[in-house]
Structure formats: structure tokens, C-alpha cells
Amino acid sequence: MNKKIVTGIVCLAGVGLLAACDNDATADISKETFKISLNEAVEIFEEKHPNATITSINFDKDFGEYRYDIEGVDNSKEYEISVDATSKDLKEKEEKLDREDANGQKKRNEALNLEKIISPQEAMKAALAEMNNKGNAVEWSIEQELQNTYYSVQVKDGRTETEVNVSATDGKILSVETDQ
């Protein structure tokens, strides 16, 4: 009898913890203000690696902390810096490029054009408007395909997740893909 009660309590506690985690994972970052901006995070990367070109930027929650994960390359190495959006705490990683990516190949193919792009807030606003303001923006990234730089904004509404791709230069919606 006691085993059943203890098992029931453990199960309820587990469900409660999972529900709390899910609520936190769906917080709307479009309404949040962070101490470190995208521009500051990019400046940190560029100060650490002045000869590198940025190839991707991702903003999401990692172990309870919002972080900018910025990747870039020079002619021989790939760099990754993770900047805490509140404390400016840095994590760095670096590795040698594969032969096919070395000598500027990856640098040319995957370089992000960060000139004259809209802010993450503008991209999230456009993505949420496309979703009729239903759901929360839970993460975003800046990506490049065919020399077009765009934001990929993840919007979560209950159990439905939608990826909205927004042009980084003019805020127009490029595509919408929903997973249920």
C-alpha cells in the first residue's frame, strides 16, 4: 500500500516538474528585454575573432539562461561563442575546418550579411502577426540561403510549433511551416 502511495506521489511530482518546464519553455521572448543586445553579442564575437566571418546566430534558452550562440569561420578554423544575454558570461569553442571548408570556401558560402538588417524584435513581431498574434516567439536564429539572410522565428502555441522565416532586410514573410 505504501509503495503505491509513494509511486503516485513521485509520478505527480514528475508531471508537475514537466508542466513547469513546459511553461518556461514557451515564454514569449518578443516581450522580454535582455541586458545584452544582438549587436553587443556580435561585437563580442568580432573582438575575439576579427578575421572571422559570422555564419550563424541563434538565440534560445539553454539550461535556464537565454544565450546568443554565434558561429563563424576564417580560412582555417571554425569558432563558436555562446554569450549569456543577461550576465555576458562567455563560452568558447574552436576547431579546425575540414579540407572542403578550408581556404575560405565555407566563409564565402555561408557568410551572413548583417548590414542593414531588421532587429530581432521586428522579425518576431512580423512572425507573430503572420500567426494572428497566437502563440509565443520562443527562439530565433539568423540564417542564410542563396545569399539571402533571414530570421527563422519559432512560434509555439500550445502543442503546435511553427517556424516562420522572415526576410532580415525588409521583414516580409518568406515561408511558414507548422509541426503539430
N, C-alpha and C. Protein backbone atom coordinates (compact mmCIF):
# COMPACT_ATOMS: atom_id res chain seq x y z
N MET A 1 0.83 -1.19 0.00
CA MET A 1 0.00 0.00 0.00
C MET A 1 0.87 1.26 0.00
N ASN A 2 1.88 1.28 0.88
CA ASN A 2 2.77 2.45 0.94
C ASN A 2 3.53 2.64 -0.36
N LYS A 3 3.90 1.52 -1.03
CA LYS A 3 4.59 1.61 -2.32
C LYS A 3 3.73 2.34 -3.34
N LYS A 4 2.43 2.04 -3.36
CA LYS A 4 1.52 2.67 -4.31
C LYS A 4 1.40 4.17 -4.03
N ILE A 5 1.34 4.55 -2.78
CA ILE A 5 1.22 5.97 -2.42
C ILE A 5 2.50 6.70 -2.83
N VAL A 6 3.65 6.14 -2.49
CA VAL A 6 4.92 6.77 -2.85
C VAL A 6 5.06 6.87 -4.36
N THR A 7 4.70 5.81 -5.08
CA THR A 7 4.77 5.83 -6.55
C THR A 7 3.86 6.91 -7.10
N GLY A 8 2.66 7.03 -6.56
CA GLY A 8 1.72 8.06 -7.00
C GLY A 8 2.26 9.46 -6.76
N ILE A 9 2.86 9.68 -5.60
CA ILE A 9 3.42 11.00 -5.28
C ILE A 9 4.58 11.33 -6.22
N VAL A 10 5.45 10.36 -6.46
CA VAL A 10 6.58 10.57 -7.37
C VAL A 10 6.08 10.90 -8.77
N CYS A 11 5.07 10.18 -9.24
CA CYS A 11 4.51 10.45 -10.58
C CYS A 11 3.92 11.84 -10.66
N LEU A 12 3.15 12.25 -9.65
CA LEU A 12 2.56 13.59 -9.64
C LEU A 12 3.64 14.66 -9.61
N ALA A 13 4.68 14.45 -8.82
CA ALA A 13 5.78 15.42 -8.76
C ALA A 13 6.46 15.53 -10.12
N GLY A 14 6.66 14.40 -10.78
CA GLY A 14 7.28 14.40 -12.11
C GLY A 14 6.44 15.15 -13.12
N VAL A 15 5.13 14.92 -13.10
CA VAL A 15 4.22 15.62 -14.01
C VAL A 15 4.26 17.12 -13.73
N GLY A 16 4.27 17.48 -12.45
CA GLY A 16 4.34 18.90 -12.08
C GLY A 16 5.61 19.55 -12.57
N LEU A 17 6.73 18.86 -12.42
CA LEU A 17 8.00 19.40 -12.91
C LEU A 17 8.00 19.57 -14.42
N LEU A 18 7.48 18.58 -15.13
CA LEU A 18 7.42 18.68 -16.59
C LEU A 18 6.51 19.81 -17.02
N ALA A 19 5.40 20.00 -16.34
CA ALA A 19 4.49 21.10 -16.69
C ALA A 19 5.17 22.44 -16.46
N ALA A 20 5.91 22.56 -15.36
CA ALA A 20 6.61 23.81 -15.07
C ALA A 20 7.68 24.07 -16.12
N CYS A 21 8.39 23.03 -16.54
CA CYS A 21 9.40 23.19 -17.58
C CYS A 21 8.77 23.63 -18.89
N ASP A 22 7.62 23.06 -19.23
CA ASP A 22 6.96 23.40 -20.48
C ASP A 22 6.50 24.85 -20.47
N ASN A 23 5.98 25.33 -19.34
CA ASN A 23 5.54 26.73 -19.27
C ASN A 23 6.70 27.67 -19.48
N ASP A 24 7.84 27.36 -18.88
CA ASP A 24 9.01 28.21 -19.01
C ASP A 24 9.54 28.19 -20.44
N ALA A 25 9.44 27.05 -21.11
CA ALA A 25 9.96 26.92 -22.47
C ALA A 25 9.11 27.67 -23.48
N THR A 26 7.91 28.09 -23.07
CA THR A 26 7.04 28.79 -24.01
C THR A 26 6.93 30.28 -23.69
N ALA A 27 7.81 30.80 -22.85
CA ALA A 27 7.80 32.23 -22.55
C ALA A 27 8.03 33.01 -23.83
N ASP A 28 7.30 34.10 -23.99
CA ASP A 28 7.37 34.91 -25.21
C ASP A 28 8.56 35.86 -25.14
N ILE A 29 9.64 35.52 -25.86
CA ILE A 29 10.84 36.35 -25.82
C ILE A 29 10.67 37.66 -26.56
N SER A 30 9.61 37.80 -27.35
CA SER A 30 9.39 39.06 -28.06
C SER A 30 9.00 40.17 -27.09
N LYS A 31 8.56 39.79 -25.89
CA LYS A 31 8.14 40.78 -24.88
C LYS A 31 9.21 40.99 -23.82
N GLU A 32 10.33 40.31 -23.95
CA GLU A 32 11.41 40.40 -22.96
C GLU A 32 12.46 41.42 -23.40
N THR A 33 13.12 41.99 -22.41
CA THR A 33 14.25 42.87 -22.68
C THR A 33 15.47 42.20 -22.05
N PHE A 34 16.53 42.09 -22.83
CA PHE A 34 17.73 41.43 -22.34
C PHE A 34 18.86 42.45 -22.22
N LYS A 35 19.71 42.24 -21.23
CA LYS A 35 20.80 43.17 -20.95
C LYS A 35 21.77 43.28 -22.13
N ILE A 36 22.03 42.17 -22.79
CA ILE A 36 22.95 42.14 -23.93
C ILE A 36 22.13 42.06 -25.21
N SER A 37 22.38 42.99 -26.13
CA SER A 37 21.65 43.01 -27.40
C SER A 37 22.35 42.14 -28.44
N LEU A 38 21.67 41.91 -29.54
CA LEU A 38 22.28 41.19 -30.66
C LEU A 38 23.54 41.89 -31.11
N ASN A 39 23.48 43.21 -31.27
CA ASN A 39 24.66 43.96 -31.73
C ASN A 39 25.84 43.81 -30.78
N GLU A 40 25.57 43.83 -29.47
CA GLU A 40 26.65 43.66 -28.50
C GLU A 40 27.24 42.26 -28.58
N ALA A 41 26.41 41.26 -28.74
CA ALA A 41 26.90 39.88 -28.87
C ALA A 41 27.76 39.73 -30.11
N VAL A 42 27.33 40.34 -31.22
CA VAL A 42 28.12 40.30 -32.46
C VAL A 42 29.46 41.01 -32.26
N GLU A 43 29.45 42.15 -31.57
CA GLU A 43 30.70 42.87 -31.29
C GLU A 43 31.66 42.02 -30.47
N ILE A 44 31.13 41.29 -29.49
CA ILE A 44 31.98 40.40 -28.68
C ILE A 44 32.64 39.36 -29.57
N PHE A 45 31.86 38.75 -30.46
CA PHE A 45 32.42 37.75 -31.37
C PHE A 45 33.51 38.39 -32.24
N GLU A 46 33.22 39.55 -32.82
CA GLU A 46 34.17 40.20 -33.73
C GLU A 46 35.44 40.65 -33.01
N GLU A 47 35.34 41.04 -31.74
CA GLU A 47 36.54 41.40 -30.97
C GLU A 47 37.41 40.17 -30.73
N LYS A 48 36.77 39.04 -30.44
CA LYS A 48 37.52 37.80 -30.18
C LYS A 48 38.13 37.22 -31.46
N HIS A 49 37.44 37.38 -32.58
CA HIS A 49 37.87 36.77 -33.84
C HIS A 49 37.73 37.78 -34.99
N PRO A 50 38.62 38.77 -35.04
CA PRO A 50 38.47 39.86 -36.02
C PRO A 50 38.57 39.42 -37.48
N ASN A 51 39.20 38.30 -37.77
CA ASN A 51 39.34 37.84 -39.16
C ASN A 51 38.27 36.83 -39.56
N ALA A 52 37.35 36.54 -38.65
CA ALA A 52 36.32 35.54 -38.93
C ALA A 52 35.06 36.21 -39.49
N THR A 53 34.33 35.45 -40.28
CA THR A 53 33.04 35.86 -40.82
C THR A 53 31.96 35.08 -40.09
N ILE A 54 30.91 35.75 -39.66
CA ILE A 54 29.82 35.09 -38.94
C ILE A 54 28.97 34.29 -39.92
N THR A 55 28.71 33.03 -39.55
CA THR A 55 27.93 32.14 -40.42
C THR A 55 26.57 31.76 -39.84
N SER A 56 26.38 31.92 -38.54
CA SER A 56 25.05 31.67 -37.96
C SER A 56 24.94 32.31 -36.59
N ILE A 57 23.70 32.70 -36.26
CA ILE A 57 23.39 33.27 -34.95
C ILE A 57 22.09 32.61 -34.50
N ASN A 58 22.09 32.14 -33.26
CA ASN A 58 20.90 31.51 -32.69
C ASN A 58 20.66 32.11 -31.31
N PHE A 59 19.40 32.40 -30.99
CA PHE A 59 19.05 32.91 -29.67
C PHE A 59 17.98 32.01 -29.08
N ASP A 60 18.31 31.36 -27.97
CA ASP A 60 17.33 30.50 -27.30
C ASP A 60 17.73 30.29 -25.86
N LYS A 61 16.93 29.50 -25.18
CA LYS A 61 17.17 29.22 -23.77
C LYS A 61 17.97 27.94 -23.64
N ASP A 62 19.06 28.02 -22.88
CA ASP A 62 19.94 26.88 -22.68
C ASP A 62 20.17 26.72 -21.18
N PHE A 63 19.67 25.63 -20.61
CA PHE A 63 19.78 25.38 -19.18
C PHE A 63 19.29 26.56 -18.35
N GLY A 64 18.14 27.10 -18.74
CA GLY A 64 17.51 28.17 -17.97
C GLY A 64 18.01 29.57 -18.27
N GLU A 65 18.99 29.72 -19.12
CA GLU A 65 19.56 31.03 -19.45
C GLU A 65 19.43 31.30 -20.94
N TYR A 66 19.03 32.52 -21.27
CA TYR A 66 18.98 32.90 -22.68
C TYR A 66 20.38 33.21 -23.17
N ARG A 67 20.71 32.69 -24.36
CA ARG A 67 22.07 32.82 -24.89
C ARG A 67 22.04 33.11 -26.38
N TYR A 68 23.03 33.89 -26.81
CA TYR A 68 23.32 34.07 -28.23
C TYR A 68 24.41 33.06 -28.57
N ASP A 69 24.15 32.17 -29.49
CA ASP A 69 25.18 31.24 -29.98
C ASP A 69 25.58 31.73 -31.36
N ILE A 70 26.82 32.18 -31.47
CA ILE A 70 27.31 32.76 -32.72
C ILE A 70 28.44 31.89 -33.25
N GLU A 71 28.31 31.49 -34.52
CA GLU A 71 29.35 30.71 -35.18
C GLU A 71 29.94 31.52 -36.32
N GLY A 72 31.23 31.30 -36.53
CA GLY A 72 31.91 31.98 -37.63
C GLY A 72 33.14 31.22 -38.05
N VAL A 73 33.69 31.62 -39.18
CA VAL A 73 34.87 30.93 -39.72
C VAL A 73 35.86 31.95 -40.28
N ASP A 74 37.12 31.54 -40.27
CA ASP A 74 38.12 32.24 -41.07
C ASP A 74 38.60 31.21 -42.10
N ASN A 75 39.77 31.36 -42.65
CA ASN A 75 40.21 30.44 -43.70
C ASN A 75 40.58 29.05 -43.20
N SER A 76 40.82 28.91 -41.89
CA SER A 76 41.27 27.60 -41.41
C SER A 76 40.51 27.06 -40.19
N LYS A 77 39.78 27.91 -39.46
CA LYS A 77 39.12 27.45 -38.24
C LYS A 77 37.66 27.89 -38.18
N GLU A 78 36.89 27.12 -37.40
CA GLU A 78 35.51 27.48 -37.10
C GLU A 78 35.45 27.85 -35.63
N TYR A 79 34.73 28.93 -35.31
CA TYR A 79 34.64 29.44 -33.95
C TYR A 79 33.18 29.45 -33.52
N GLU A 80 32.96 29.16 -32.25
CA GLU A 80 31.62 29.29 -31.68
C GLU A 80 31.74 29.99 -30.34
N ILE A 81 30.94 31.03 -30.18
CA ILE A 81 30.88 31.75 -28.92
C ILE A 81 29.44 31.74 -28.46
N SER A 82 29.24 31.44 -27.19
CA SER A 82 27.92 31.48 -26.58
C SER A 82 27.94 32.58 -25.53
N VAL A 83 27.08 33.60 -25.71
CA VAL A 83 27.06 34.77 -24.83
C VAL A 83 25.76 34.77 -24.05
N ASP A 84 25.86 34.76 -22.71
CA ASP A 84 24.67 34.84 -21.87
C ASP A 84 24.04 36.22 -22.06
N ALA A 85 22.75 36.26 -22.36
CA ALA A 85 22.05 37.51 -22.68
C ALA A 85 21.85 38.41 -21.46
N THR A 86 22.11 37.89 -20.27
CA THR A 86 21.95 38.69 -19.06
C THR A 86 23.30 39.01 -18.42
N SER A 87 24.13 38.01 -18.24
CA SER A 87 25.38 38.20 -17.49
C SER A 87 26.61 38.45 -18.36
N LYS A 88 26.50 38.25 -19.66
CA LYS A 88 27.62 38.39 -20.60
C LYS A 88 28.65 37.27 -20.44
N ASP A 89 28.30 36.25 -19.68
CA ASP A 89 29.17 35.09 -19.49
C ASP A 89 29.45 34.45 -20.85
N LEU A 90 30.71 34.10 -21.11
CA LEU A 90 31.11 33.55 -22.41
C LEU A 90 31.52 32.09 -22.31
N LYS A 91 31.15 31.35 -23.34
CA LYS A 91 31.67 30.00 -23.55
C LYS A 91 32.21 30.01 -24.96
N GLU A 92 33.40 29.47 -25.14
CA GLU A 92 34.02 29.48 -26.47
C GLU A 92 34.45 28.10 -26.90
N LYS A 93 34.40 27.88 -28.20
CA LYS A 93 34.86 26.62 -28.79
C LYS A 93 35.48 26.95 -30.14
N GLU A 94 36.50 26.22 -30.49
CA GLU A 94 37.17 26.44 -31.78
C GLU A 94 37.65 25.10 -32.31
N GLU A 95 37.53 24.92 -33.62
CA GLU A 95 38.04 23.69 -34.23
C GLU A 95 38.51 23.97 -35.65
N LYS A 96 39.40 23.11 -36.09
CA LYS A 96 39.96 23.25 -37.44
C LYS A 96 38.91 22.86 -38.48
N LEU A 97 38.86 23.59 -39.57
CA LEU A 97 37.92 23.29 -40.66
C LEU A 97 38.34 22.05 -41.43
N ASP A 98 37.35 21.33 -41.95
CA ASP A 98 37.62 20.21 -42.84
C ASP A 98 38.23 20.75 -44.13
N ARG A 99 38.87 19.89 -44.87
CA ARG A 99 39.53 20.29 -46.11
C ARG A 99 38.58 20.99 -47.08
N GLU A 100 37.34 20.47 -47.22
CA GLU A 100 36.41 21.07 -48.19
C GLU A 100 35.89 22.44 -47.75
N ASP A 101 35.99 22.75 -46.44
CA ASP A 101 35.55 24.06 -45.94
C ASP A 101 36.69 25.05 -45.78
N ALA A 102 37.92 24.58 -45.84
CA ALA A 102 39.09 25.45 -45.61
C ALA A 102 39.34 26.37 -46.80
N ASN A 103 40.31 27.24 -46.63
CA ASN A 103 40.73 28.20 -47.66
C ASN A 103 39.61 29.14 -48.11
N GLY A 104 38.73 29.48 -47.17
CA GLY A 104 37.70 30.47 -47.46
C GLY A 104 36.44 29.93 -48.10
N GLN A 105 36.37 28.63 -48.37
CA GLN A 105 35.19 28.06 -49.03
C GLN A 105 33.93 28.24 -48.18
N LYS A 106 33.98 27.83 -46.91
CA LYS A 106 32.82 27.97 -46.03
C LYS A 106 32.53 29.44 -45.77
N LYS A 107 33.59 30.22 -45.66
CA LYS A 107 33.44 31.66 -45.42
C LYS A 107 32.64 32.31 -46.55
N ARG A 108 32.93 31.95 -47.78
CA ARG A 108 32.21 32.51 -48.94
C ARG A 108 30.78 31.98 -49.02
N ASN A 109 30.60 30.69 -48.76
CA ASN A 109 29.30 30.05 -48.96
C ASN A 109 28.27 30.36 -47.88
N GLU A 110 28.72 30.58 -46.64
CA GLU A 110 27.77 30.67 -45.53
C GLU A 110 27.79 32.00 -44.79
N ALA A 111 28.52 32.99 -45.27
CA ALA A 111 28.62 34.27 -44.57
C ALA A 111 27.27 34.96 -44.47
N LEU A 112 26.94 35.41 -43.25
CA LEU A 112 25.72 36.18 -43.05
C LEU A 112 25.97 37.64 -43.41
N ASN A 113 25.00 38.25 -44.08
CA ASN A 113 25.07 39.68 -44.35
C ASN A 113 24.28 40.37 -43.24
N LEU A 114 24.98 40.97 -42.29
CA LEU A 114 24.33 41.61 -41.15
C LEU A 114 24.16 43.11 -41.33
N GLU A 115 24.48 43.61 -42.52
CA GLU A 115 24.32 45.04 -42.81
C GLU A 115 22.84 45.34 -43.05
N LYS A 116 22.36 46.37 -42.42
CA LYS A 116 21.00 46.88 -42.65
C LYS A 116 19.92 45.83 -42.43
N ILE A 117 20.09 44.99 -41.41
CA ILE A 117 19.04 44.01 -41.12
C ILE A 117 18.09 44.58 -40.07
N ILE A 118 16.87 44.06 -40.06
CA ILE A 118 15.91 44.48 -39.05
C ILE A 118 16.30 43.85 -37.71
N SER A 119 15.74 44.36 -36.64
CA SER A 119 16.05 43.84 -35.31
C SER A 119 15.32 42.52 -35.07
N PRO A 120 15.79 41.73 -34.12
CA PRO A 120 15.07 40.50 -33.78
C PRO A 120 13.62 40.80 -33.35
N GLN A 121 13.41 41.92 -32.64
CA GLN A 121 12.06 42.28 -32.20
C GLN A 121 11.14 42.51 -33.40
N GLU A 122 11.65 43.18 -34.43
CA GLU A 122 10.85 43.40 -35.64
C GLU A 122 10.53 42.08 -36.34
N ALA A 123 11.50 41.18 -36.39
CA ALA A 123 11.27 39.87 -37.01
C ALA A 123 10.24 39.06 -36.23
N MET A 124 10.34 39.08 -34.90
CA MET A 124 9.37 38.35 -34.09
C MET A 124 7.98 38.96 -34.21
N LYS A 125 7.91 40.29 -34.27
CA LYS A 125 6.62 40.97 -34.44
C LYS A 125 5.97 40.55 -35.76
N ALA A 126 6.75 40.50 -36.83
CA ALA A 126 6.23 40.08 -38.14
C ALA A 126 5.77 38.62 -38.09
N ALA A 127 6.56 37.77 -37.44
CA ALA A 127 6.21 36.34 -37.35
C ALA A 127 4.92 36.15 -36.56
N LEU A 128 4.79 36.85 -35.45
CA LEU A 128 3.58 36.73 -34.63
C LEU A 128 2.37 37.29 -35.36
N ALA A 129 2.55 38.38 -36.11
CA ALA A 129 1.44 38.95 -36.90
C ALA A 129 0.98 37.93 -37.94
N GLU A 130 1.93 37.22 -38.55
CA GLU A 130 1.58 36.18 -39.52
C GLU A 130 0.75 35.07 -38.87
N MET A 131 0.97 34.85 -37.59
CA MET A 131 0.25 33.82 -36.83
C MET A 131 -0.99 34.40 -36.15
N ASN A 132 -1.43 35.58 -36.58
CA ASN A 132 -2.58 36.27 -35.98
C ASN A 132 -2.39 36.50 -34.48
N ASN A 133 -1.13 36.75 -34.10
CA ASN A 133 -0.74 37.00 -32.71
C ASN A 133 -1.15 35.87 -31.76
N LYS A 134 -1.23 34.65 -32.28
CA LYS A 134 -1.50 33.48 -31.46
C LYS A 134 -0.18 32.77 -31.22
N GLY A 135 0.12 32.51 -29.98
CA GLY A 135 1.35 31.81 -29.64
C GLY A 135 2.42 32.77 -29.15
N ASN A 136 3.57 32.20 -28.85
CA ASN A 136 4.70 32.94 -28.32
C ASN A 136 5.95 32.66 -29.15
N ALA A 137 6.72 33.70 -29.38
CA ALA A 137 8.03 33.51 -30.01
C ALA A 137 8.95 32.94 -28.94
N VAL A 138 9.49 31.74 -29.16
CA VAL A 138 10.30 31.09 -28.13
C VAL A 138 11.79 31.04 -28.47
N GLU A 139 12.14 31.23 -29.73
CA GLU A 139 13.55 31.32 -30.12
C GLU A 139 13.63 31.85 -31.54
N TRP A 140 14.82 32.33 -31.91
CA TRP A 140 15.03 32.79 -33.27
C TRP A 140 16.48 32.53 -33.67
N SER A 141 16.68 32.53 -34.97
CA SER A 141 18.05 32.41 -35.49
C SER A 141 18.14 33.26 -36.75
N ILE A 142 19.36 33.62 -37.10
CA ILE A 142 19.61 34.31 -38.37
C ILE A 142 20.36 33.34 -39.24
N GLU A 143 19.83 33.11 -40.43
CA GLU A 143 20.39 32.13 -41.34
C GLU A 143 20.55 32.74 -42.73
N GLN A 144 21.21 32.02 -43.59
CA GLN A 144 21.46 32.49 -44.95
C GLN A 144 21.27 31.33 -45.92
N GLU A 145 20.56 31.60 -46.99
CA GLU A 145 20.38 30.61 -48.04
C GLU A 145 20.35 31.34 -49.37
N LEU A 146 21.14 30.88 -50.32
CA LEU A 146 21.22 31.51 -51.64
C LEU A 146 21.48 33.02 -51.52
N GLN A 147 22.37 33.37 -50.62
CA GLN A 147 22.78 34.75 -50.37
C GLN A 147 21.66 35.64 -49.86
N ASN A 148 20.59 35.04 -49.33
CA ASN A 148 19.51 35.79 -48.70
C ASN A 148 19.57 35.53 -47.20
N THR A 149 19.71 36.60 -46.42
CA THR A 149 19.75 36.47 -44.98
C THR A 149 18.34 36.63 -44.43
N TYR A 150 17.97 35.73 -43.51
CA TYR A 150 16.62 35.77 -42.95
C TYR A 150 16.61 35.31 -41.50
N TYR A 151 15.56 35.71 -40.79
CA TYR A 151 15.32 35.23 -39.43
C TYR A 151 14.42 34.00 -39.52
N SER A 152 14.73 33.01 -38.73
CA SER A 152 13.85 31.86 -38.56
C SER A 152 13.31 31.97 -37.13
N VAL A 153 12.02 32.29 -36.99
CA VAL A 153 11.41 32.51 -35.68
C VAL A 153 10.53 31.31 -35.35
N GLN A 154 10.77 30.72 -34.18
CA GLN A 154 9.97 29.59 -33.70
C GLN A 154 8.84 30.14 -32.85
N VAL A 155 7.60 29.84 -33.26
CA VAL A 155 6.41 30.28 -32.53
C VAL A 155 5.72 29.04 -31.98
N LYS A 156 5.42 29.07 -30.68
CA LYS A 156 4.77 27.92 -30.05
C LYS A 156 3.40 28.36 -29.54
N ASP A 157 2.38 27.59 -29.91
CA ASP A 157 1.01 27.82 -29.46
C ASP A 157 0.47 26.49 -28.96
N GLY A 158 0.51 26.31 -27.65
CA GLY A 158 0.13 25.01 -27.08
C GLY A 158 1.12 23.96 -27.54
N ARG A 159 0.62 22.93 -28.20
CA ARG A 159 1.49 21.86 -28.70
C ARG A 159 1.93 22.09 -30.14
N THR A 160 1.46 23.16 -30.74
CA THR A 160 1.79 23.44 -32.13
C THR A 160 3.01 24.34 -32.22
N GLU A 161 4.00 23.91 -32.98
CA GLU A 161 5.20 24.72 -33.22
C GLU A 161 5.24 25.12 -34.68
N THR A 162 5.51 26.39 -34.91
CA THR A 162 5.56 26.91 -36.27
C THR A 162 6.86 27.65 -36.47
N GLU A 163 7.51 27.38 -37.60
CA GLU A 163 8.72 28.11 -37.98
C GLU A 163 8.31 29.13 -39.03
N VAL A 164 8.54 30.40 -38.72
CA VAL A 164 8.22 31.48 -39.64
C VAL A 164 9.53 32.11 -40.09
N ASN A 165 9.80 32.07 -41.39
CA ASN A 165 11.02 32.68 -41.93
C ASN A 165 10.68 34.08 -42.42
N VAL A 166 11.45 35.05 -41.90
CA VAL A 166 11.21 36.46 -42.15
C VAL A 166 12.45 37.07 -42.79
N SER A 167 12.29 37.79 -43.88
CA SER A 167 13.43 38.45 -44.52
C SER A 167 14.10 39.38 -43.52
N ALA A 168 15.41 39.27 -43.40
CA ALA A 168 16.15 40.09 -42.46
C ALA A 168 16.33 41.52 -42.95
N THR A 169 16.03 41.77 -44.21
CA THR A 169 16.21 43.13 -44.73
C THR A 169 14.93 43.94 -44.75
N ASP A 170 13.78 43.30 -45.02
CA ASP A 170 12.55 44.09 -45.12
C ASP A 170 11.40 43.57 -44.26
N GLY A 171 11.58 42.48 -43.54
CA GLY A 171 10.54 41.98 -42.64
C GLY A 171 9.41 41.23 -43.31
N LYS A 172 9.53 40.94 -44.59
CA LYS A 172 8.48 40.20 -45.29
C LYS A 172 8.56 38.72 -44.93
N ILE A 173 7.39 38.08 -44.89
CA ILE A 173 7.32 36.66 -44.58
C ILE A 173 7.76 35.87 -45.81
N LEU A 174 8.74 34.98 -45.61
CA LEU A 174 9.25 34.15 -46.71
C LEU A 174 8.58 32.79 -46.76
N SER A 175 8.37 32.20 -45.58
CA SER A 175 7.72 30.89 -45.53
C SER A 175 7.22 30.62 -44.12
N VAL A 176 6.26 29.69 -44.04
CA VAL A 176 5.69 29.28 -42.76
C VAL A 176 5.56 27.76 -42.79
N GLU A 177 6.07 27.10 -41.76
CA GLU A 177 5.99 25.64 -41.68
C GLU A 177 5.55 25.25 -40.28
N THR A 178 4.45 24.50 -40.19
CA THR A 178 3.88 24.12 -38.90
C THR A 178 4.07 22.64 -38.63
N ASP A 179 4.51 22.33 -37.40
CA ASP A 179 4.60 20.95 -36.90
C ASP A 179 3.60 20.82 -35.77
N GLN A 180 2.79 19.77 -35.84
CA GLN A 180 1.80 19.58 -34.76
C GLN A 180 2.10 18.36 -33.97
